[in-house]
Amino acid sequence: MSKSQETFNKKEKEKRKLKKKQEKEQKREERKNTSGRGKSFEEMFAYVDEDGNISTTPPDPNKKKVIKPEDIEVSIAKQEAPDPADLIRRGVVTFFNESKGYGFIKDQETQESIFVHVNGLEEEIGENDKVTFETEKGPKGLNAVRVKLSK
């Protein structure tokens, strides 16, 4: 007589697989029974009250506010033009290479290093000179422009 090919381990795996399949089927049935598909259209509505909270009761029509479409303004708040005196910064030239035509200025207020090119100069500058300048946004950060020696 030959020995059965089914081992204890194989039987246990089959039992677990069957149990998992049954649990999955049971969960699917539960979801089907408790799903919202059987609800009426009115039961699926949600309302927002005057405080912005979600509720199941419709709002009171007596409290309804009428808003005319022409009264709605969609825009960006206008910003005041910055004072030209605020745009002028002060700093010290920490490095300037005359042959290559660029250098760096250390801002006195923020202590950040700002790039300066010879095209942004209004007067000749050198290292350790105190200067006044304005900044512009460049491709790699702030650039100093309209650079003058301070008096």
N, C-alpha and C. Protein backbone atom coordinates (compact mmCIF):
# COMPACT_ATOMS: atom_id res chain seq x y z
N MET A 1 0.84 -1.16 0.00
CA MET A 1 0.00 0.00 0.00
C MET A 1 0.90 1.24 0.00
N SER A 2 0.41 2.21 -0.72
CA SER A 2 1.21 3.43 -0.80
C SER A 2 0.79 4.43 0.28
N LYS A 3 1.73 5.25 0.61
CA LYS A 3 1.51 6.24 1.65
C LYS A 3 0.74 7.43 1.06
N SER A 4 -0.13 8.01 1.83
CA SER A 4 -0.92 9.15 1.38
C SER A 4 0.01 10.33 1.09
N GLN A 5 -0.24 11.03 -0.01
CA GLN A 5 0.60 12.15 -0.43
C GLN A 5 0.29 13.43 0.37
N GLU A 6 -0.84 13.42 1.05
CA GLU A 6 -1.21 14.60 1.83
C GLU A 6 -0.56 14.53 3.20
N THR A 7 0.25 15.56 3.49
CA THR A 7 0.91 15.61 4.79
C THR A 7 0.11 16.53 5.70
N PHE A 8 0.49 16.53 6.98
CA PHE A 8 -0.19 17.37 7.96
C PHE A 8 -0.09 18.85 7.57
N ASN A 9 1.11 19.25 7.12
CA ASN A 9 1.34 20.64 6.74
C ASN A 9 0.46 21.06 5.58
N LYS A 10 0.30 20.18 4.59
CA LYS A 10 -0.55 20.50 3.44
C LYS A 10 -2.00 20.64 3.87
N LYS A 11 -2.45 19.78 4.77
CA LYS A 11 -3.83 19.85 5.26
C LYS A 11 -4.07 21.17 6.00
N GLU A 12 -3.08 21.59 6.82
CA GLU A 12 -3.22 22.84 7.57
C GLU A 12 -3.28 24.05 6.62
N LYS A 13 -2.46 24.03 5.58
CA LYS A 13 -2.46 25.14 4.61
C LYS A 13 -3.81 25.21 3.90
N GLU A 14 -4.35 24.07 3.54
CA GLU A 14 -5.67 24.04 2.87
C GLU A 14 -6.76 24.56 3.80
N LYS A 15 -6.69 24.17 5.09
CA LYS A 15 -7.68 24.65 6.06
C LYS A 15 -7.61 26.17 6.19
N ARG A 16 -6.38 26.71 6.30
CA ARG A 16 -6.22 28.17 6.43
C ARG A 16 -6.72 28.90 5.19
N LYS A 17 -6.41 28.35 4.03
CA LYS A 17 -6.85 28.96 2.78
C LYS A 17 -8.38 28.98 2.69
N LEU A 18 -9.01 27.89 3.08
CA LEU A 18 -10.47 27.79 3.06
C LEU A 18 -11.09 28.76 4.06
N LYS A 19 -10.47 28.86 5.25
CA LYS A 19 -10.97 29.76 6.29
C LYS A 19 -10.88 31.21 5.82
N LYS A 20 -9.75 31.57 5.19
CA LYS A 20 -9.55 32.92 4.68
C LYS A 20 -10.59 33.26 3.61
N LYS A 21 -10.85 32.30 2.75
CA LYS A 21 -11.83 32.48 1.68
C LYS A 21 -13.23 32.71 2.25
N GLN A 22 -13.57 31.96 3.29
CA GLN A 22 -14.88 32.11 3.94
C GLN A 22 -15.00 33.47 4.62
N GLU A 23 -13.93 33.91 5.31
CA GLU A 23 -13.95 35.22 5.96
C GLU A 23 -14.11 36.34 4.94
N LYS A 24 -13.44 36.21 3.83
CA LYS A 24 -13.53 37.21 2.78
C LYS A 24 -14.96 37.28 2.22
N GLU A 25 -15.55 36.13 2.02
CA GLU A 25 -16.93 36.07 1.52
C GLU A 25 -17.90 36.69 2.54
N GLN A 26 -17.66 36.42 3.81
CA GLN A 26 -18.51 36.96 4.88
C GLN A 26 -18.40 38.49 4.94
N LYS A 27 -17.18 39.03 4.82
CA LYS A 27 -16.99 40.48 4.82
C LYS A 27 -17.68 41.13 3.63
N ARG A 28 -17.61 40.48 2.47
CA ARG A 28 -18.26 41.01 1.28
C ARG A 28 -19.77 41.08 1.47
N GLU A 29 -20.32 40.04 2.08
CA GLU A 29 -21.77 40.02 2.36
C GLU A 29 -22.15 41.14 3.32
N GLU A 30 -21.32 41.37 4.36
CA GLU A 30 -21.59 42.44 5.33
C GLU A 30 -21.57 43.80 4.64
N ARG A 31 -20.58 44.02 3.79
CA ARG A 31 -20.50 45.30 3.08
C ARG A 31 -21.71 45.50 2.17
N LYS A 32 -22.13 44.42 1.53
CA LYS A 32 -23.27 44.51 0.63
C LYS A 32 -24.54 44.87 1.42
N ASN A 33 -24.69 44.29 2.60
CA ASN A 33 -25.89 44.54 3.41
C ASN A 33 -25.89 45.93 4.03
N THR A 34 -24.72 46.46 4.37
CA THR A 34 -24.67 47.75 5.05
C THR A 34 -24.30 48.89 4.11
N SER A 35 -24.21 48.64 2.83
CA SER A 35 -23.83 49.71 1.90
C SER A 35 -24.96 50.73 1.76
N GLY A 36 -24.63 51.90 1.27
CA GLY A 36 -25.60 52.98 1.15
C GLY A 36 -26.44 52.90 -0.11
N ARG A 37 -26.35 51.83 -0.86
CA ARG A 37 -27.09 51.73 -2.11
C ARG A 37 -28.59 51.63 -1.89
N GLY A 38 -28.98 51.13 -0.74
CA GLY A 38 -30.40 50.98 -0.48
C GLY A 38 -31.03 52.26 0.06
N LYS A 39 -30.23 53.29 0.34
CA LYS A 39 -30.77 54.51 0.92
C LYS A 39 -31.50 55.33 -0.13
N SER A 40 -32.46 56.12 0.34
CA SER A 40 -33.17 57.00 -0.57
C SER A 40 -32.29 58.20 -0.89
N PHE A 41 -32.68 58.92 -1.92
CA PHE A 41 -31.89 60.07 -2.37
C PHE A 41 -31.81 61.14 -1.29
N GLU A 42 -32.90 61.40 -0.58
CA GLU A 42 -32.93 62.42 0.46
C GLU A 42 -32.05 62.04 1.65
N GLU A 43 -31.91 60.75 1.95
CA GLU A 43 -31.08 60.32 3.08
C GLU A 43 -29.59 60.55 2.81
N MET A 44 -29.22 60.67 1.55
CA MET A 44 -27.82 60.85 1.20
C MET A 44 -27.39 62.31 1.23
N PHE A 45 -28.33 63.23 1.37
CA PHE A 45 -28.00 64.66 1.42
C PHE A 45 -27.29 65.03 2.70
N ALA A 46 -26.37 65.98 2.61
CA ALA A 46 -25.73 66.57 3.79
C ALA A 46 -25.85 68.06 3.62
N TYR A 47 -26.16 68.76 4.69
CA TYR A 47 -26.33 70.20 4.65
C TYR A 47 -25.25 70.88 5.48
N VAL A 48 -24.98 72.13 5.14
CA VAL A 48 -24.02 72.92 5.89
C VAL A 48 -24.80 74.05 6.56
N ASP A 49 -24.68 74.15 7.90
CA ASP A 49 -25.41 75.20 8.62
C ASP A 49 -24.65 76.53 8.55
N GLU A 50 -25.19 77.57 9.20
CA GLU A 50 -24.61 78.91 9.12
C GLU A 50 -23.23 79.00 9.75
N ASP A 51 -22.87 78.03 10.61
CA ASP A 51 -21.55 78.02 11.24
C ASP A 51 -20.53 77.20 10.45
N GLY A 52 -20.97 76.59 9.35
CA GLY A 52 -20.07 75.79 8.53
C GLY A 52 -19.98 74.33 8.94
N ASN A 53 -20.89 73.89 9.85
CA ASN A 53 -20.89 72.50 10.30
C ASN A 53 -21.82 71.67 9.42
N ILE A 54 -21.46 70.42 9.19
CA ILE A 54 -22.28 69.52 8.38
C ILE A 54 -23.39 68.95 9.26
N SER A 55 -24.62 68.98 8.72
CA SER A 55 -25.76 68.44 9.48
C SER A 55 -26.68 67.68 8.53
N THR A 56 -27.61 66.92 9.11
CA THR A 56 -28.56 66.15 8.30
C THR A 56 -29.87 66.91 8.09
N THR A 57 -30.08 67.99 8.83
CA THR A 57 -31.32 68.76 8.69
C THR A 57 -31.10 69.92 7.73
N PRO A 58 -32.08 70.17 6.86
CA PRO A 58 -31.93 71.28 5.92
C PRO A 58 -31.97 72.62 6.64
N PRO A 59 -31.35 73.65 6.07
CA PRO A 59 -31.33 74.95 6.72
C PRO A 59 -32.72 75.60 6.71
N ASP A 60 -32.93 76.53 7.65
CA ASP A 60 -34.20 77.24 7.75
C ASP A 60 -34.29 78.25 6.61
N PRO A 61 -35.33 78.17 5.77
CA PRO A 61 -35.42 79.11 4.64
C PRO A 61 -35.60 80.56 5.08
N ASN A 62 -36.07 80.81 6.32
CA ASN A 62 -36.25 82.18 6.81
C ASN A 62 -34.92 82.86 7.08
N LYS A 63 -33.87 82.09 7.36
CA LYS A 63 -32.55 82.65 7.65
C LYS A 63 -31.70 82.82 6.40
N LYS A 64 -32.26 82.52 5.25
CA LYS A 64 -31.51 82.56 4.00
C LYS A 64 -31.10 83.99 3.66
N LYS A 65 -29.84 84.18 3.28
CA LYS A 65 -29.33 85.49 2.89
C LYS A 65 -29.24 85.54 1.37
N VAL A 66 -29.67 86.65 0.80
CA VAL A 66 -29.63 86.81 -0.65
C VAL A 66 -28.39 87.63 -1.00
N ILE A 67 -27.58 87.08 -1.87
CA ILE A 67 -26.36 87.76 -2.29
C ILE A 67 -26.43 87.95 -3.80
N LYS A 68 -26.24 89.17 -4.22
CA LYS A 68 -26.29 89.48 -5.64
C LYS A 68 -24.93 89.17 -6.26
N PRO A 69 -24.92 88.55 -7.43
CA PRO A 69 -23.64 88.21 -8.07
C PRO A 69 -22.75 89.43 -8.32
N GLU A 70 -23.35 90.58 -8.59
CA GLU A 70 -22.53 91.77 -8.86
C GLU A 70 -21.85 92.31 -7.61
N ASP A 71 -22.31 91.88 -6.41
CA ASP A 71 -21.69 92.30 -5.16
C ASP A 71 -20.43 91.50 -4.82
N ILE A 72 -20.24 90.38 -5.50
CA ILE A 72 -19.08 89.52 -5.22
C ILE A 72 -17.87 90.08 -5.96
N GLU A 73 -16.81 90.33 -5.21
CA GLU A 73 -15.57 90.84 -5.80
C GLU A 73 -14.47 89.79 -5.63
N VAL A 74 -13.89 89.40 -6.74
CA VAL A 74 -12.80 88.45 -6.71
C VAL A 74 -11.56 89.18 -7.23
N SER A 75 -10.62 89.43 -6.33
CA SER A 75 -9.41 90.13 -6.75
C SER A 75 -8.32 89.95 -5.69
N ILE A 76 -7.19 90.50 -6.00
CA ILE A 76 -6.07 90.47 -5.07
C ILE A 76 -5.97 91.85 -4.43
N ALA A 77 -5.74 91.89 -3.15
CA ALA A 77 -5.63 93.17 -2.45
C ALA A 77 -4.47 93.96 -3.04
N LYS A 78 -4.71 95.24 -3.26
CA LYS A 78 -3.66 96.08 -3.82
C LYS A 78 -2.58 96.32 -2.77
N GLN A 79 -1.35 96.20 -3.21
CA GLN A 79 -0.24 96.44 -2.31
C GLN A 79 0.28 97.84 -2.55
N GLU A 80 0.66 98.48 -1.48
CA GLU A 80 1.22 99.81 -1.60
C GLU A 80 2.62 99.69 -2.20
N ALA A 81 2.96 100.67 -3.02
CA ALA A 81 4.29 100.69 -3.60
C ALA A 81 5.31 100.90 -2.48
N PRO A 82 6.39 100.13 -2.47
CA PRO A 82 7.37 100.29 -1.39
C PRO A 82 8.05 101.66 -1.47
N ASP A 83 8.38 102.19 -0.32
CA ASP A 83 9.06 103.47 -0.23
C ASP A 83 10.45 103.33 -0.85
N PRO A 84 10.83 104.20 -1.78
CA PRO A 84 12.15 104.08 -2.41
C PRO A 84 13.31 104.10 -1.41
N ALA A 85 13.14 104.78 -0.29
CA ALA A 85 14.20 104.83 0.71
C ALA A 85 14.41 103.46 1.36
N ASP A 86 13.35 102.64 1.43
CA ASP A 86 13.47 101.31 2.02
C ASP A 86 14.21 100.33 1.11
N LEU A 87 14.20 100.61 -0.19
CA LEU A 87 14.84 99.70 -1.13
C LEU A 87 16.36 99.83 -1.11
N ILE A 88 16.87 100.99 -0.69
CA ILE A 88 18.32 101.21 -0.68
C ILE A 88 18.93 100.53 0.54
N ARG A 89 19.91 99.68 0.27
CA ARG A 89 20.58 98.94 1.34
C ARG A 89 22.01 99.44 1.48
N ARG A 90 22.60 99.13 2.62
CA ARG A 90 24.00 99.49 2.87
C ARG A 90 24.79 98.20 3.11
N GLY A 91 26.07 98.22 2.71
CA GLY A 91 26.89 97.04 2.92
C GLY A 91 28.36 97.33 2.69
N VAL A 92 29.16 96.28 2.81
CA VAL A 92 30.61 96.37 2.64
C VAL A 92 31.02 95.37 1.57
N VAL A 93 31.88 95.78 0.65
CA VAL A 93 32.37 94.89 -0.40
C VAL A 93 33.36 93.93 0.25
N THR A 94 33.03 92.64 0.26
CA THR A 94 33.92 91.65 0.87
C THR A 94 34.91 91.07 -0.14
N PHE A 95 34.50 91.04 -1.41
CA PHE A 95 35.37 90.49 -2.45
C PHE A 95 34.99 91.16 -3.75
N PHE A 96 36.01 91.56 -4.54
CA PHE A 96 35.73 92.09 -5.89
C PHE A 96 36.91 91.78 -6.79
N ASN A 97 36.67 91.07 -7.87
CA ASN A 97 37.70 90.72 -8.84
C ASN A 97 37.52 91.63 -10.05
N GLU A 98 38.40 92.61 -10.21
CA GLU A 98 38.26 93.59 -11.29
C GLU A 98 38.46 92.95 -12.65
N SER A 99 39.37 91.97 -12.76
CA SER A 99 39.63 91.36 -14.07
C SER A 99 38.43 90.54 -14.57
N LYS A 100 37.72 89.90 -13.66
CA LYS A 100 36.54 89.11 -14.06
C LYS A 100 35.25 89.92 -13.97
N GLY A 101 35.26 91.01 -13.22
CA GLY A 101 34.12 91.91 -13.19
C GLY A 101 32.98 91.52 -12.27
N TYR A 102 33.28 90.81 -11.19
CA TYR A 102 32.22 90.48 -10.25
C TYR A 102 32.77 90.46 -8.84
N GLY A 103 31.84 90.43 -7.87
CA GLY A 103 32.24 90.38 -6.48
C GLY A 103 31.05 90.14 -5.59
N PHE A 104 31.24 90.36 -4.27
CA PHE A 104 30.17 90.14 -3.30
C PHE A 104 30.13 91.27 -2.29
N ILE A 105 28.92 91.63 -1.89
CA ILE A 105 28.71 92.67 -0.90
C ILE A 105 28.01 92.03 0.28
N LYS A 106 28.47 92.31 1.49
CA LYS A 106 27.82 91.80 2.70
C LYS A 106 26.86 92.87 3.20
N ASP A 107 25.56 92.54 3.22
CA ASP A 107 24.53 93.47 3.67
C ASP A 107 24.69 93.72 5.16
N GLN A 108 24.62 94.99 5.60
CA GLN A 108 24.80 95.33 7.02
C GLN A 108 23.64 94.85 7.88
N GLU A 109 22.41 94.88 7.34
CA GLU A 109 21.25 94.49 8.15
C GLU A 109 21.12 92.97 8.26
N THR A 110 21.11 92.30 7.12
CA THR A 110 20.82 90.86 7.11
C THR A 110 22.07 90.00 7.19
N GLN A 111 23.24 90.59 6.99
CA GLN A 111 24.53 89.88 6.99
C GLN A 111 24.61 88.83 5.88
N GLU A 112 23.77 88.94 4.84
CA GLU A 112 23.85 87.98 3.74
C GLU A 112 24.78 88.51 2.66
N SER A 113 25.37 87.60 1.92
CA SER A 113 26.31 87.95 0.87
C SER A 113 25.54 88.07 -0.44
N ILE A 114 25.66 89.22 -1.10
CA ILE A 114 24.90 89.49 -2.32
C ILE A 114 25.87 89.68 -3.48
N PHE A 115 25.57 89.00 -4.58
CA PHE A 115 26.41 89.03 -5.78
C PHE A 115 26.32 90.41 -6.44
N VAL A 116 27.45 90.92 -6.93
CA VAL A 116 27.46 92.17 -7.68
C VAL A 116 28.29 91.98 -8.94
N HIS A 117 27.78 92.48 -10.07
CA HIS A 117 28.50 92.40 -11.35
C HIS A 117 28.90 93.80 -11.75
N VAL A 118 29.92 93.91 -12.57
CA VAL A 118 30.42 95.21 -13.00
C VAL A 118 29.34 96.01 -13.73
N ASN A 119 28.38 95.35 -14.36
CA ASN A 119 27.29 96.05 -15.05
C ASN A 119 26.35 96.74 -14.07
N GLY A 120 26.31 96.30 -12.80
CA GLY A 120 25.45 96.91 -11.80
C GLY A 120 26.10 98.05 -11.04
N LEU A 121 27.33 98.41 -11.43
CA LEU A 121 28.06 99.47 -10.73
C LEU A 121 27.79 100.83 -11.37
N GLU A 122 27.67 101.84 -10.52
CA GLU A 122 27.59 103.21 -11.00
C GLU A 122 28.91 103.94 -10.77
N GLU A 123 29.70 103.43 -9.82
CA GLU A 123 31.01 103.99 -9.53
C GLU A 123 31.99 102.83 -9.36
N GLU A 124 33.28 103.13 -9.48
CA GLU A 124 34.31 102.12 -9.25
C GLU A 124 34.31 101.73 -7.77
N ILE A 125 34.42 100.43 -7.49
CA ILE A 125 34.49 99.98 -6.10
C ILE A 125 35.67 99.04 -5.92
N GLY A 126 36.06 98.84 -4.68
CA GLY A 126 37.13 97.91 -4.35
C GLY A 126 36.77 97.19 -3.05
N GLU A 127 37.59 96.24 -2.67
CA GLU A 127 37.33 95.49 -1.44
C GLU A 127 37.33 96.40 -0.22
N ASN A 128 36.49 96.09 0.77
CA ASN A 128 36.33 96.82 2.03
C ASN A 128 35.72 98.22 1.87
N ASP A 129 35.20 98.55 0.67
CA ASP A 129 34.51 99.83 0.48
C ASP A 129 33.09 99.71 1.04
N LYS A 130 32.62 100.80 1.67
CA LYS A 130 31.24 100.85 2.13
C LYS A 130 30.41 101.39 0.97
N VAL A 131 29.31 100.66 0.67
CA VAL A 131 28.50 101.01 -0.50
C VAL A 131 27.02 101.03 -0.16
N THR A 132 26.26 101.70 -1.02
CA THR A 132 24.79 101.63 -0.98
C THR A 132 24.37 100.97 -2.29
N PHE A 133 23.30 100.19 -2.23
CA PHE A 133 22.89 99.45 -3.42
C PHE A 133 21.42 99.06 -3.30
N GLU A 134 20.87 98.62 -4.41
CA GLU A 134 19.53 98.05 -4.46
C GLU A 134 19.69 96.61 -4.94
N THR A 135 18.66 95.82 -4.72
CA THR A 135 18.75 94.40 -5.13
C THR A 135 17.68 94.07 -6.16
N GLU A 136 18.02 93.11 -6.99
CA GLU A 136 17.10 92.54 -7.97
C GLU A 136 17.21 91.03 -7.88
N LYS A 137 16.13 90.36 -8.19
CA LYS A 137 16.12 88.90 -8.19
C LYS A 137 16.80 88.43 -9.47
N GLY A 138 17.85 87.63 -9.33
CA GLY A 138 18.56 87.08 -10.47
C GLY A 138 18.28 85.59 -10.59
N PRO A 139 18.85 84.92 -11.58
CA PRO A 139 18.59 83.48 -11.75
C PRO A 139 19.11 82.61 -10.60
N LYS A 140 20.14 83.09 -9.89
CA LYS A 140 20.71 82.30 -8.79
C LYS A 140 20.55 82.97 -7.43
N GLY A 141 19.71 84.00 -7.34
CA GLY A 141 19.53 84.69 -6.07
C GLY A 141 19.53 86.19 -6.27
N LEU A 142 19.80 86.92 -5.19
CA LEU A 142 19.79 88.38 -5.26
C LEU A 142 21.07 88.91 -5.92
N ASN A 143 20.87 89.95 -6.74
CA ASN A 143 22.00 90.64 -7.37
C ASN A 143 21.95 92.09 -6.93
N ALA A 144 23.11 92.68 -6.63
CA ALA A 144 23.18 94.09 -6.27
C ALA A 144 23.25 94.91 -7.56
N VAL A 145 22.40 95.98 -7.62
CA VAL A 145 22.40 96.88 -8.77
C VAL A 145 22.48 98.31 -8.25
N ARG A 146 22.82 99.24 -9.15
CA ARG A 146 22.94 100.66 -8.79
C ARG A 146 23.84 100.83 -7.56
N VAL A 147 25.01 100.22 -7.63
CA VAL A 147 25.95 100.23 -6.51
C VAL A 147 26.77 101.52 -6.55
N LYS A 148 26.78 102.25 -5.42
CA LYS A 148 27.54 103.51 -5.29
C LYS A 148 28.34 103.46 -4.00
N LEU A 149 29.41 104.20 -3.96
CA LEU A 149 30.19 104.35 -2.73
C LEU A 149 29.38 105.18 -1.76
N SER A 150 29.37 104.81 -0.46
CA SER A 150 28.65 105.62 0.54
C SER A 150 29.53 106.78 0.95
N LYS A 151 28.86 107.80 1.39
CA LYS A 151 29.59 108.99 1.84
C LYS A 151 29.66 109.01 3.33
